[in-house]
Amino acid sequence: MVATVTVGPPGPFRPAPADRTTRGQVRLGAGTFAMGDAHGEGYAADGEGPVHAVRLPSFLIDATTVTNAAFAAFVKDTGYVTDAERLGVSAVFHLAVRADSSDVLGQAAGTPWWLTVRGASWRRPAGPLSSVAGLQNHPVTQVSWNDAQAYCAWAGKRLPTEAEWEFAARGGLEGARFPWGNERTPRGRWMCNIWQGTFPTHNTAEDGHVTTAPVKSYRPNAYGLWNMVGNVWEWCADTFAADAYADRAAKTPVDDPRGPWHDPGRSAPRVMRGGSYLCHDSYCYRYRVAARSANTADSATGNIGFRCANDSPDRPVHPVTPEDPS
């Protein structure tokens, strides 16, 4: 472990072979899969199609998202300060806020259920009156893409590419909606942590959780990976472009895509995958394995976390290059 961490250039961090740490990771063999929405259910602006063949070398990925306990160890070892802590405010869902009214600074434009709360951070994800005490095995939240990069640099890991994430989430189920199949609640059983009730005013919590659930809740997919959809959004290495899949359509298969690095600045949108505990069919039907979304690299909210990946030792060595958006 490296005790000093700095946030480097805006490109995705990738550890040198000698610095890799594979603890808690599952190795997935090389393979080709159909990436994208096979059901025509995606939002047009998200660019979930067309479905296209993607070929990946073997890689490793964390079995769970990074926990509060793991992130606390990183902060203790490095003294790292997150983007939300530097800014002094972050976004909290209105029903989750734990803060004095003087610390609630306003609503997000267009999404009034998100409140800007002074003092919200990974340590106090719902505001100054909240804490992660007792939530050590829950996913860390209020972490930006930059923060995830810094953690990866310390841990000897990296963020998964968007293609790696979807390959892993599918668990070998070609074209399925979810990591377990096509039915949302097989035999009436909730399989992931999403919103039940009327969004955004009333969550019946039929699945047992109003906000985050422990990282090993429900059942893992066929690859042994937990909570690949629902619970928290997960940062990926790639920048986001809604037309990325259309640019790939003529290539069959696409080898190990890395995302179009169309704007290498810190304002470039980064891919998020998996949906969160706030997803609901009426508002955010993005807890499907093909679903995509994005946020800026310095954004942090109460429903975004991450898991790490790594190159497999037998992975072919080649430059980490983005796709050409032209």
C-alpha atoms as a PDB file:
ATOM      1  CA  MET A   1       0.000   0.000   0.000  1.00  0.00           C
ATOM      2  CA  VAL A   2       1.191   3.517  -0.850  1.00  0.00           C
ATOM      3  CA  ALA A   3       0.709   5.969   2.008  1.00  0.00           C
ATOM      4  CA  THR A   4       0.712   9.118  -0.114  1.00  0.00           C
ATOM      5  CA  VAL A   5      -2.064   9.734  -2.620  1.00  0.00           C
ATOM      6  CA  THR A   6      -2.500  12.610  -5.008  1.00  0.00           C
ATOM      7  CA  VAL A   7      -5.241  13.038  -7.564  1.00  0.00           C
ATOM      8  CA  GLY A   8      -3.353  12.883 -10.831  1.00  0.00           C
ATOM      9  CA  PRO A   9      -4.333  13.671 -14.403  1.00  0.00           C
ATOM     10  CA  PRO A  10      -7.949  13.171 -15.426  1.00  0.00           C
ATOM     11  CA  GLY A  11      -7.312   9.894 -17.247  1.00  0.00           C
ATOM     12  CA  PRO A  12      -8.247   6.609 -15.541  1.00  0.00           C
ATOM     13  CA  PHE A  13      -5.689   5.266 -13.056  1.00  0.00           C
ATOM     14  CA  ARG A  14      -4.176   1.892 -13.873  1.00  0.00           C
ATOM     15  CA  PRO A  15      -1.687   0.270 -11.460  1.00  0.00           C
ATOM     16  CA  ALA A  16       1.629  -1.095 -12.615  1.00  0.00           C
ATOM     17  CA  PRO A  17       1.806  -4.914 -12.436  1.00  0.00           C
ATOM     18  CA  ALA A  18       4.091  -4.824  -9.400  1.00  0.00           C
ATOM     19  CA  ASP A  19       1.634  -2.632  -7.489  1.00  0.00           C
ATOM     20  CA  ARG A  20      -1.548  -4.613  -8.129  1.00  0.00           C
ATOM     21  CA  THR A  21      -3.562  -5.957  -5.223  1.00  0.00           C
ATOM     22  CA  THR A  22      -6.251  -8.532  -5.969  1.00  0.00           C
ATOM     23  CA  ARG A  23      -7.673  -9.044  -2.492  1.00  0.00           C
ATOM     24  CA  GLY A  24     -11.459  -9.438  -2.564  1.00  0.00           C
ATOM     25  CA  GLN A  25     -11.530  -9.761  -6.333  1.00  0.00           C
ATOM     26  CA  VAL A  26     -13.018 -12.399  -8.617  1.00  0.00           C
ATOM     27  CA  ARG A  27     -11.198 -13.390 -11.809  1.00  0.00           C
ATOM     28  CA  LEU A  28     -13.371 -13.485 -14.921  1.00  0.00           C
ATOM     29  CA  GLY A  29     -12.115 -15.328 -17.975  1.00  0.00           C
ATOM     30  CA  ALA A  30     -11.797 -13.793 -21.420  1.00  0.00           C
ATOM     31  CA  GLY A  31     -14.986 -13.785 -23.465  1.00  0.00           C
ATOM     32  CA  THR A  32     -17.258 -12.139 -25.996  1.00  0.00           C
ATOM     33  CA  PHE A  33     -20.698 -10.854 -25.066  1.00  0.00           C
ATOM     34  CA  ALA A  34     -23.560  -8.799 -26.506  1.00  0.00           C
ATOM     35  CA  MET A  35     -23.379  -5.344 -24.901  1.00  0.00           C
ATOM     36  CA  GLY A  36     -26.412  -3.067 -24.787  1.00  0.00           C
ATOM     37  CA  ASP A  37     -30.184  -3.101 -24.336  1.00  0.00           C
ATOM     38  CA  ALA A  38     -31.730  -6.144 -26.042  1.00  0.00           C
ATOM     39  CA  HIS A  39     -35.282  -5.239 -24.903  1.00  0.00           C
ATOM     40  CA  GLY A  40     -35.710  -1.712 -26.235  1.00  0.00           C
ATOM     41  CA  GLU A  41     -36.307  -0.373 -22.724  1.00  0.00           C
ATOM     42  CA  GLY A  42     -33.499   2.145 -22.426  1.00  0.00           C
ATOM     43  CA  TYR A  43     -33.794   5.926 -22.379  1.00  0.00           C
ATOM     44  CA  ALA A  44     -32.919   7.429 -25.764  1.00  0.00           C
ATOM     45  CA  ALA A  45     -30.569   9.998 -24.253  1.00  0.00           C
ATOM     46  CA  ASP A  46     -28.554   7.267 -22.525  1.00  0.00           C
ATOM     47  CA  GLY A  47     -27.474   5.524 -25.729  1.00  0.00           C
ATOM     48  CA  GLU A  48     -27.985   1.900 -24.677  1.00  0.00           C
ATOM     49  CA  GLY A  49     -27.992   0.680 -28.270  1.00  0.00           C
ATOM     50  CA  PRO A  50     -27.409  -0.766 -30.667  1.00  0.00           C
ATOM     51  CA  VAL A  51     -26.492  -4.101 -29.143  1.00  0.00           C
ATOM     52  CA  HIS A  52     -22.973  -4.945 -30.297  1.00  0.00           C
ATOM     53  CA  ALA A  53     -20.450  -7.703 -29.733  1.00  0.00           C
ATOM     54  CA  VAL A  54     -17.605  -6.900 -27.343  1.00  0.00           C
ATOM     55  CA  ARG A  55     -14.559  -9.074 -26.737  1.00  0.00           C
ATOM     56  CA  LEU A  56     -12.676  -8.753 -23.448  1.00  0.00           C
ATOM     57  CA  PRO A  57      -9.483 -10.304 -22.125  1.00  0.00           C
ATOM     58  CA  SER A  58      -9.617 -11.798 -18.638  1.00  0.00           C
ATOM     59  CA  PHE A  59      -9.773  -9.340 -15.740  1.00  0.00           C
ATOM     60  CA  LEU A  60     -10.523  -9.157 -12.030  1.00  0.00           C
ATOM     61  CA  ILE A  61     -13.308  -7.264 -10.280  1.00  0.00           C
ATOM     62  CA  ASP A  62     -14.275  -6.732  -6.647  1.00  0.00           C
ATOM     63  CA  ALA A  63     -16.999  -9.037  -5.370  1.00  0.00           C
ATOM     64  CA  THR A  64     -18.625  -6.043  -3.649  1.00  0.00           C
ATOM     65  CA  THR A  65     -18.616  -2.287  -3.775  1.00  0.00           C
ATOM     66  CA  VAL A  66     -16.055  -0.541  -1.574  1.00  0.00           C
ATOM     67  CA  THR A  67     -17.351  -0.304   1.984  1.00  0.00           C
ATOM     68  CA  ASN A  68     -17.282   2.515   4.500  1.00  0.00           C
ATOM     69  CA  ALA A  69     -14.762   0.481   6.510  1.00  0.00           C
ATOM     70  CA  ALA A  70     -12.414   0.075   3.538  1.00  0.00           C
ATOM     71  CA  PHE A  71     -12.646   3.757   2.617  1.00  0.00           C
ATOM     72  CA  ALA A  72     -12.008   4.734   6.236  1.00  0.00           C
ATOM     73  CA  ALA A  73      -8.814   2.661   6.201  1.00  0.00           C
ATOM     74  CA  PHE A  74      -7.703   4.498   3.061  1.00  0.00           C
ATOM     75  CA  VAL A  75      -8.391   7.907   4.610  1.00  0.00           C
ATOM     76  CA  LYS A  76      -6.645   6.967   7.855  1.00  0.00           C
ATOM     77  CA  ASP A  77      -3.564   5.789   5.958  1.00  0.00           C
ATOM     78  CA  THR A  78      -3.329   8.753   3.593  1.00  0.00           C
ATOM     79  CA  GLY A  79      -5.142  11.714   5.118  1.00  0.00           C
ATOM     80  CA  TYR A  80      -7.072  12.029   1.869  1.00  0.00           C
ATOM     81  CA  VAL A  81      -9.797  14.697   1.713  1.00  0.00           C
ATOM     82  CA  THR A  82     -12.700  14.017  -0.651  1.00  0.00           C
ATOM     83  CA  ASP A  83     -14.201  16.433  -3.143  1.00  0.00           C
ATOM     84  CA  ALA A  84     -17.348  16.816  -1.034  1.00  0.00           C
ATOM     85  CA  GLU A  85     -15.280  17.634   2.060  1.00  0.00           C
ATOM     86  CA  ARG A  86     -13.272  20.227   0.146  1.00  0.00           C
ATOM     87  CA  LEU A  87     -16.429  21.787  -1.276  1.00  0.00           C
ATOM     88  CA  GLY A  88     -18.223  21.707   2.088  1.00  0.00           C
ATOM     89  CA  VAL A  89     -21.575  20.601   0.641  1.00  0.00           C
ATOM     90  CA  SER A  90     -23.038  17.615  -1.145  1.00  0.00           C
ATOM     91  CA  ALA A  91     -26.330  16.224  -2.433  1.00  0.00           C
ATOM     92  CA  VAL A  92     -28.656  14.240  -0.151  1.00  0.00           C
ATOM     93  CA  PHE A  93     -32.050  12.731  -0.994  1.00  0.00           C
ATOM     94  CA  HIS A  94     -34.743  14.754   0.776  1.00  0.00           C
ATOM     95  CA  LEU A  95     -36.172  11.886   2.860  1.00  0.00           C
ATOM     96  CA  ALA A  96     -32.699  10.884   4.072  1.00  0.00           C
ATOM     97  CA  VAL A  97     -31.457  14.289   5.267  1.00  0.00           C
ATOM     98  CA  ARG A  98     -30.129  14.457   8.814  1.00  0.00           C
ATOM     99  CA  ALA A  99     -29.246  18.091   9.304  1.00  0.00           C
ATOM    100  CA  ASP A 100     -30.427  21.307  10.899  1.00  0.00           C
ATOM    101  CA  SER A 101     -32.563  23.382   8.553  1.00  0.00           C
ATOM    102  CA  SER A 102     -29.794  26.008   8.417  1.00  0.00           C
ATOM    103  CA  ASP A 103     -27.542  23.432   6.741  1.00  0.00           C
ATOM    104  CA  VAL A 104     -30.041  22.663   3.967  1.00  0.00           C
ATOM    105  CA  LEU A 105     -29.069  25.169   1.314  1.00  0.00           C
ATOM    106  CA  GLY A 106     -31.567  24.453  -1.435  1.00  0.00           C
ATOM    107  CA  GLN A 107     -32.967  22.073  -4.023  1.00  0.00           C
ATOM    108  CA  ALA A 108     -31.315  20.802  -7.168  1.00  0.00           C
ATOM    109  CA  ALA A 109     -32.739  22.369 -10.324  1.00  0.00           C
ATOM    110  CA  GLY A 110     -35.150  19.967 -12.035  1.00  0.00           C
ATOM    111  CA  THR A 111     -34.830  17.323  -9.312  1.00  0.00           C
ATOM    112  CA  PRO A 112     -36.241  18.901  -6.147  1.00  0.00           C
ATOM    113  CA  TRP A 113     -35.899  15.648  -4.187  1.00  0.00           C
ATOM    114  CA  TRP A 114     -32.132  16.299  -4.102  1.00  0.00           C
ATOM    115  CA  LEU A 115     -31.078  18.830  -1.475  1.00  0.00           C
ATOM    116  CA  THR A 116     -27.742  20.595  -1.161  1.00  0.00           C
ATOM    117  CA  VAL A 117     -26.633  19.938   2.399  1.00  0.00           C
ATOM    118  CA  ARG A 118     -23.715  21.620   4.141  1.00  0.00           C
ATOM    119  CA  GLY A 119     -21.425  19.110   5.850  1.00  0.00           C
ATOM    120  CA  ALA A 120     -22.592  16.046   3.938  1.00  0.00           C
ATOM    121  CA  SER A 121     -19.647  13.793   3.079  1.00  0.00           C
ATOM    122  CA  TRP A 122     -18.653  10.135   3.127  1.00  0.00           C
ATOM    123  CA  ARG A 123     -18.337  10.310   6.937  1.00  0.00           C
ATOM    124  CA  ARG A 124     -21.771  11.937   7.283  1.00  0.00           C
ATOM    125  CA  PRO A 125     -23.591  10.869   4.120  1.00  0.00           C
ATOM    126  CA  ALA A 126     -27.006  12.271   5.087  1.00  0.00           C
ATOM    127  CA  GLY A 127     -25.713  15.507   6.633  1.00  0.00           C
ATOM    128  CA  PRO A 128     -23.980  16.720   9.812  1.00  0.00           C
ATOM    129  CA  LEU A 129     -26.358  14.837  12.134  1.00  0.00           C
ATOM    130  CA  SER A 130     -25.675  11.502  10.414  1.00  0.00           C
ATOM    131  CA  SER A 131     -22.776   9.083  10.720  1.00  0.00           C
ATOM    132  CA  VAL A 132     -21.402   5.875   9.198  1.00  0.00           C
ATOM    133  CA  ALA A 133     -21.163   4.343  12.673  1.00  0.00           C
ATOM    134  CA  GLY A 134     -22.798   0.939  12.430  1.00  0.00           C
ATOM    135  CA  LEU A 135     -22.647   1.068   8.623  1.00  0.00           C
ATOM    136  CA  GLN A 136     -19.127  -0.268   8.181  1.00  0.00           C
ATOM    137  CA  ASN A 137     -20.283  -2.977   5.753  1.00  0.00           C
ATOM    138  CA  HIS A 138     -22.467  -0.629   3.716  1.00  0.00           C
ATOM    139  CA  PRO A 139     -21.144   0.900   0.497  1.00  0.00           C
ATOM    140  CA  VAL A 140     -19.267   4.164   0.855  1.00  0.00           C
ATOM    141  CA  THR A 141     -21.183   7.034  -0.752  1.00  0.00           C
ATOM    142  CA  GLN A 142     -20.627  10.750  -1.261  1.00  0.00           C
ATOM    143  CA  VAL A 143     -17.490   9.866  -3.236  1.00  0.00           C
ATOM    144  CA  SER A 144     -16.666  11.397  -6.605  1.00  0.00           C
ATOM    145  CA  TRP A 145     -14.948   9.787  -9.588  1.00  0.00           C
ATOM    146  CA  ASN A 146     -11.797  11.631  -8.498  1.00  0.00           C
ATOM    147  CA  ASP A 147     -12.115  10.136  -5.017  1.00  0.00           C
ATOM    148  CA  ALA A 148     -12.559   6.649  -6.472  1.00  0.00           C
ATOM    149  CA  GLN A 149      -9.413   7.152  -8.525  1.00  0.00           C
ATOM    150  CA  ALA A 150      -7.449   8.131  -5.428  1.00  0.00           C
ATOM    151  CA  TYR A 151      -8.687   5.059  -3.551  1.00  0.00           C
ATOM    152  CA  CYS A 152      -7.706   2.844  -6.484  1.00  0.00           C
ATOM    153  CA  ALA A 153      -4.189   4.313  -6.511  1.00  0.00           C
ATOM    154  CA  TRP A 154      -3.831   3.469  -2.833  1.00  0.00           C
ATOM    155  CA  ALA A 155      -5.378   0.013  -3.112  1.00  0.00           C
ATOM    156  CA  GLY A 156      -3.374  -1.160  -6.150  1.00  0.00           C
ATOM    157  CA  LYS A 157      -6.544  -1.484  -8.209  1.00  0.00           C
ATOM    158  CA  ARG A 158      -8.430   0.511 -10.858  1.00  0.00           C
ATOM    159  CA  LEU A 159     -11.972   1.302 -11.896  1.00  0.00           C
ATOM    160  CA  PRO A 160     -13.624  -1.161 -14.283  1.00  0.00           C
ATOM    161  CA  THR A 161     -14.262  -0.073 -17.827  1.00  0.00           C
ATOM    162  CA  GLU A 162     -17.913   0.210 -18.772  1.00  0.00           C
ATOM    163  CA  ALA A 163     -17.650  -2.931 -20.901  1.00  0.00           C
ATOM    164  CA  GLU A 164     -16.009  -4.882 -18.074  1.00  0.00           C
ATOM    165  CA  TRP A 165     -18.728  -3.734 -15.693  1.00  0.00           C
ATOM    166  CA  GLU A 166     -21.564  -4.921 -17.942  1.00  0.00           C
ATOM    167  CA  PHE A 167     -19.844  -8.221 -18.733  1.00  0.00           C
ATOM    168  CA  ALA A 168     -19.419  -8.829 -14.997  1.00  0.00           C
ATOM    169  CA  ALA A 169     -22.957  -7.730 -14.090  1.00  0.00           C
ATOM    170  CA  ARG A 170     -24.536 -10.085 -16.611  1.00  0.00           C
ATOM    171  CA  GLY A 171     -22.992 -13.101 -14.899  1.00  0.00           C
ATOM    172  CA  GLY A 172     -23.036 -15.002 -18.189  1.00  0.00           C
ATOM    173  CA  LEU A 173     -26.748 -14.404 -18.892  1.00  0.00           C
ATOM    174  CA  GLU A 174     -26.816 -13.232 -22.498  1.00  0.00           C
ATOM    175  CA  GLY A 175     -29.336 -10.450 -23.141  1.00  0.00           C
ATOM    176  CA  ALA A 176     -30.986 -10.612 -19.695  1.00  0.00           C
ATOM    177  CA  ARG A 177     -32.436  -7.496 -18.063  1.00  0.00           C
ATOM    178  CA  PHE A 178     -30.978  -8.165 -14.642  1.00  0.00           C
ATOM    179  CA  PRO A 179     -28.047 -10.119 -13.199  1.00  0.00           C
ATOM    180  CA  TRP A 180     -30.440 -12.947 -12.268  1.00  0.00           C
ATOM    181  CA  GLY A 181     -32.694 -13.032 -15.370  1.00  0.00           C
ATOM    182  CA  ASN A 182     -35.581 -11.100 -16.897  1.00  0.00           C
ATOM    183  CA  GLU A 183     -38.152 -11.031 -14.068  1.00  0.00           C
ATOM    184  CA  ARG A 184     -37.772  -8.253 -11.518  1.00  0.00           C
ATOM    185  CA  THR A 185     -39.117 -10.223  -8.536  1.00  0.00           C
ATOM    186  CA  PRO A 186     -39.002 -13.950  -9.298  1.00  0.00           C
ATOM    187  CA  ARG A 187     -41.406 -15.854  -7.023  1.00  0.00           C
ATOM    188  CA  GLY A 188     -42.181 -12.527  -5.335  1.00  0.00           C
ATOM    189  CA  ARG A 189     -38.617 -12.136  -4.009  1.00  0.00           C
ATOM    190  CA  TRP A 190     -36.824  -8.799  -4.150  1.00  0.00           C
ATOM    191  CA  MET A 191     -33.428  -9.338  -5.741  1.00  0.00           C
ATOM    192  CA  CYS A 192     -31.926  -5.871  -5.351  1.00  0.00           C
ATOM    193  CA  ASN A 193     -32.257  -2.675  -3.339  1.00  0.00           C
ATOM    194  CA  ILE A 194     -34.478  -0.250  -5.272  1.00  0.00           C
ATOM    195  CA  TRP A 195     -37.400   2.057  -4.476  1.00  0.00           C
ATOM    196  CA  GLN A 196     -40.825   0.625  -3.654  1.00  0.00           C
ATOM    197  CA  GLY A 197     -43.871   2.822  -3.346  1.00  0.00           C
ATOM    198  CA  THR A 198     -44.483   6.244  -4.856  1.00  0.00           C
ATOM    199  CA  PHE A 199     -41.373   8.093  -5.933  1.00  0.00           C
ATOM    200  CA  PRO A 200     -40.167  10.454  -4.493  1.00  0.00           C
ATOM    201  CA  THR A 201     -42.546  10.834  -1.549  1.00  0.00           C
ATOM    202  CA  HIS A 202     -43.130   7.413  -0.015  1.00  0.00           C
ATOM    203  CA  ASN A 203     -40.857   4.376   0.136  1.00  0.00           C
ATOM    204  CA  THR A 204     -42.599   1.304   1.544  1.00  0.00           C
ATOM    205  CA  ALA A 205     -39.184  -0.367   1.982  1.00  0.00           C
ATOM    206  CA  GLU A 206     -40.569  -3.778   1.052  1.00  0.00           C
ATOM    207  CA  ASP A 207     -37.023  -4.920   0.366  1.00  0.00           C
ATOM    208  CA  GLY A 208     -36.014  -3.923   3.897  1.00  0.00           C
ATOM    209  CA  HIS A 209     -34.005  -0.810   3.040  1.00  0.00           C
ATOM    210  CA  VAL A 210     -34.808   2.880   2.699  1.00  0.00           C
ATOM    211  CA  THR A 211     -31.290   3.868   1.677  1.00  0.00           C
ATOM    212  CA  THR A 212     -28.191   1.663   1.356  1.00  0.00           C
ATOM    213  CA  ALA A 213     -28.063  -2.035   2.187  1.00  0.00           C
ATOM    214  CA  PRO A 214     -24.984  -3.996   3.311  1.00  0.00           C
ATOM    215  CA  VAL A 215     -22.765  -4.870   0.364  1.00  0.00           C
ATOM    216  CA  LYS A 216     -23.526  -8.592   0.666  1.00  0.00           C
ATOM    217  CA  SER A 217     -27.310  -8.289   0.703  1.00  0.00           C
ATOM    218  CA  TYR A 218     -29.578 -10.406  -1.521  1.00  0.00           C
ATOM    219  CA  ARG A 219     -27.756 -12.997  -3.632  1.00  0.00           C
ATOM    220  CA  PRO A 220     -24.644 -12.743  -5.803  1.00  0.00           C
ATOM    221  CA  ASN A 221     -24.879 -13.330  -9.528  1.00  0.00           C
ATOM    222  CA  ALA A 222     -23.445 -16.405 -11.216  1.00  0.00           C
ATOM    223  CA  TYR A 223     -19.953 -14.876 -11.121  1.00  0.00           C
ATOM    224  CA  GLY A 224     -20.110 -14.380  -7.349  1.00  0.00           C
ATOM    225  CA  LEU A 225     -20.603 -10.599  -7.555  1.00  0.00           C
ATOM    226  CA  TRP A 226     -22.955  -8.870  -5.117  1.00  0.00           C
ATOM    227  CA  ASN A 227     -25.420  -6.043  -5.772  1.00  0.00           C
ATOM    228  CA  MET A 228     -24.415  -5.316  -9.345  1.00  0.00           C
ATOM    229  CA  VAL A 229     -27.692  -3.419  -9.720  1.00  0.00           C
ATOM    230  CA  GLY A 230     -29.508  -1.309  -7.162  1.00  0.00           C
ATOM    231  CA  ASN A 231     -28.032  -0.108  -3.858  1.00  0.00           C
ATOM    232  CA  VAL A 232     -25.552   2.471  -5.238  1.00  0.00           C
ATOM    233  CA  TRP A 233     -24.464   3.706  -8.628  1.00  0.00           C
ATOM    234  CA  GLU A 234     -20.939   2.578  -9.486  1.00  0.00           C
ATOM    235  CA  TRP A 235     -18.318   4.733 -11.189  1.00  0.00           C
ATOM    236  CA  CYS A 236     -16.589   3.312 -14.263  1.00  0.00           C
ATOM    237  CA  ALA A 237     -13.303   4.421 -15.812  1.00  0.00           C
ATOM    238  CA  ASP A 238     -14.809   5.669 -19.078  1.00  0.00           C
ATOM    239  CA  THR A 239     -15.998   9.064 -20.124  1.00  0.00           C
ATOM    240  CA  PHE A 240     -19.603   9.030 -21.307  1.00  0.00           C
ATOM    241  CA  ALA A 241     -21.009   9.661 -24.772  1.00  0.00           C
ATOM    242  CA  ALA A 242     -24.562   8.792 -25.786  1.00  0.00           C
ATOM    243  CA  ASP A 243     -23.427   7.869 -29.304  1.00  0.00           C
ATOM    244  CA  ALA A 244     -20.562   5.602 -28.230  1.00  0.00           C
ATOM    245  CA  TYR A 245     -22.376   2.381 -29.153  1.00  0.00           C
ATOM    246  CA  ALA A 246     -23.452   3.714 -32.547  1.00  0.00           C
ATOM    247  CA  ASP A 247     -19.807   4.383 -33.363  1.00  0.00           C
ATOM    248  CA  ARG A 248     -18.990   0.763 -32.568  1.00  0.00           C
ATOM    249  CA  ALA A 249     -21.785  -0.809 -34.612  1.00  0.00           C
ATOM    250  CA  ALA A 250     -19.646  -1.428 -37.708  1.00  0.00           C
ATOM    251  CA  LYS A 251     -16.964  -3.246 -35.736  1.00  0.00           C
ATOM    252  CA  THR A 252     -17.588  -6.903 -34.924  1.00  0.00           C
ATOM    253  CA  PRO A 253     -16.527  -7.614 -32.312  1.00  0.00           C
ATOM    254  CA  VAL A 254     -15.185  -4.537 -30.553  1.00  0.00           C
ATOM    255  CA  ASP A 255     -12.004  -5.360 -28.657  1.00  0.00           C
ATOM    256  CA  ASP A 256     -11.779  -4.153 -25.047  1.00  0.00           C
ATOM    257  CA  PRO A 257     -13.427  -0.710 -25.534  1.00  0.00           C
ATOM    258  CA  ARG A 258     -12.374   2.060 -23.175  1.00  0.00           C
ATOM    259  CA  GLY A 259     -14.882   4.801 -23.902  1.00  0.00           C
ATOM    260  CA  PRO A 260     -14.482   7.925 -26.024  1.00  0.00           C
ATOM    261  CA  TRP A 261     -12.049  10.303 -24.332  1.00  0.00           C
ATOM    262  CA  HIS A 262     -13.725  13.231 -26.086  1.00  0.00           C
ATOM    263  CA  ASP A 263     -13.045  15.746 -23.303  1.00  0.00           C
ATOM    264  CA  PRO A 264     -10.129  14.863 -21.033  1.00  0.00           C
ATOM    265  CA  GLY A 265     -10.877  17.749 -18.668  1.00  0.00           C
ATOM    266  CA  ARG A 266     -12.349  17.310 -15.228  1.00  0.00           C
ATOM    267  CA  SER A 267     -15.727  18.502 -16.497  1.00  0.00           C
ATOM    268  CA  ALA A 268     -16.115  15.477 -18.774  1.00  0.00           C
ATOM    269  CA  PRO A 269     -19.026  13.212 -17.773  1.00  0.00           C
ATOM    270  CA  ARG A 270     -17.955   9.842 -16.389  1.00  0.00           C
ATOM    271  CA  VAL A 271     -19.981   6.672 -16.735  1.00  0.00           C
ATOM    272  CA  MET A 272     -22.035   5.343 -13.825  1.00  0.00           C
ATOM    273  CA  ARG A 273     -23.637   1.906 -13.877  1.00  0.00           C
ATOM    274  CA  GLY A 274     -26.098  -0.214 -11.916  1.00  0.00           C
ATOM    275  CA  GLY A 275     -28.688   2.209 -10.583  1.00  0.00           C
ATOM    276  CA  SER A 276     -29.316   2.756  -6.881  1.00  0.00           C
ATOM    277  CA  TYR A 277     -31.769   2.476  -4.004  1.00  0.00           C
ATOM    278  CA  LEU A 278     -33.637   5.411  -5.579  1.00  0.00           C
ATOM    279  CA  CYS A 279     -34.378   3.681  -8.885  1.00  0.00           C
ATOM    280  CA  HIS A 280     -38.060   3.214  -9.715  1.00  0.00           C
ATOM    281  CA  ASP A 281     -39.766   2.303 -12.981  1.00  0.00           C
ATOM    282  CA  SER A 282     -41.649   5.610 -13.001  1.00  0.00           C
ATOM    283  CA  TYR A 283     -38.511   7.710 -12.763  1.00  0.00           C
ATOM    284  CA  CYS A 284     -35.241   5.826 -13.223  1.00  0.00           C
ATOM    285  CA  TYR A 285     -35.558   2.400 -14.804  1.00  0.00           C
ATOM    286  CA  ARG A 286     -31.797   2.073 -14.742  1.00  0.00           C
ATOM    287  CA  TYR A 287     -31.309  -0.892 -12.450  1.00  0.00           C
ATOM    288  CA  ARG A 288     -30.936  -3.043 -15.578  1.00  0.00           C
ATOM    289  CA  VAL A 289     -27.521  -4.357 -16.570  1.00  0.00           C
ATOM    290  CA  ALA A 290     -27.596  -2.461 -19.893  1.00  0.00           C
ATOM    291  CA  ALA A 291     -28.570   0.878 -18.344  1.00  0.00           C
ATOM    292  CA  ARG A 292     -26.129   3.782 -18.402  1.00  0.00           C
ATOM    293  CA  SER A 293     -25.861   7.177 -16.781  1.00  0.00           C
ATOM    294  CA  ALA A 294     -23.176   9.759 -16.091  1.00  0.00           C
ATOM    295  CA  ASN A 295     -22.048  12.548 -13.813  1.00  0.00           C
ATOM    296  CA  THR A 296     -19.106  14.919 -13.656  1.00  0.00           C
ATOM    297  CA  ALA A 297     -15.862  13.694 -12.122  1.00  0.00           C
ATOM    298  CA  ASP A 298     -16.155  15.900  -9.040  1.00  0.00           C
ATOM    299  CA  SER A 299     -19.803  15.068  -8.281  1.00  0.00           C
ATOM    300  CA  ALA A 300     -20.763  13.197  -5.117  1.00  0.00           C
ATOM    301  CA  THR A 301     -24.198  12.183  -3.848  1.00  0.00           C
ATOM    302  CA  GLY A 302     -25.735   9.901  -1.260  1.00  0.00           C
ATOM    303  CA  ASN A 303     -26.300   7.132  -3.803  1.00  0.00           C
ATOM    304  CA  ILE A 304     -23.003   6.889  -5.723  1.00  0.00           C
ATOM    305  CA  GLY A 305     -20.210   4.488  -4.804  1.00  0.00           C
ATOM    306  CA  PHE A 306     -17.810   2.250  -6.704  1.00  0.00           C
ATOM    307  CA  ARG A 307     -16.105  -1.115  -6.937  1.00  0.00           C
ATOM    308  CA  CYS A 308     -12.605  -1.796  -8.232  1.00  0.00           C
ATOM    309  CA  ALA A 309     -11.183  -3.952 -10.985  1.00  0.00           C
ATOM    310  CA  ASN A 310      -7.739  -5.064 -12.096  1.00  0.00           C
ATOM    311  CA  ASP A 311      -5.882  -6.555 -15.010  1.00  0.00           C
ATOM    312  CA  SER A 312      -5.516 -10.320 -14.862  1.00  0.00           C
ATOM    313  CA  PRO A 313      -1.864 -11.478 -14.876  1.00  0.00           C
ATOM    314  CA  ASP A 314      -2.435 -13.175 -18.245  1.00  0.00           C
ATOM    315  CA  ARG A 315      -4.007 -10.089 -19.829  1.00  0.00           C
ATOM    316  CA  PRO A 316      -2.291  -8.989 -23.051  1.00  0.00           C
ATOM    317  CA  VAL A 317      -0.147  -5.909 -22.536  1.00  0.00           C
ATOM    318  CA  HIS A 318      -1.231  -2.984 -24.735  1.00  0.00           C
ATOM    319  CA  PRO A 319      -1.573   0.784 -24.333  1.00  0.00           C
ATOM    320  CA  VAL A 320      -4.586   2.150 -22.507  1.00  0.00           C
ATOM    321  CA  THR A 321      -6.107   4.182 -25.315  1.00  0.00           C
ATOM    322  CA  PRO A 322      -9.591   5.658 -25.687  1.00  0.00           C
ATOM    323  CA  GLU A 323     -11.857   5.084 -28.628  1.00  0.00           C
ATOM    324  CA  ASP A 324     -11.628   7.628 -31.405  1.00  0.00           C
ATOM    325  CA  PRO A 325     -14.910   9.591 -31.321  1.00  0.00           C
ATOM    326  CA  SER A 326     -14.480  10.787 -34.904  1.00  0.00           C
END
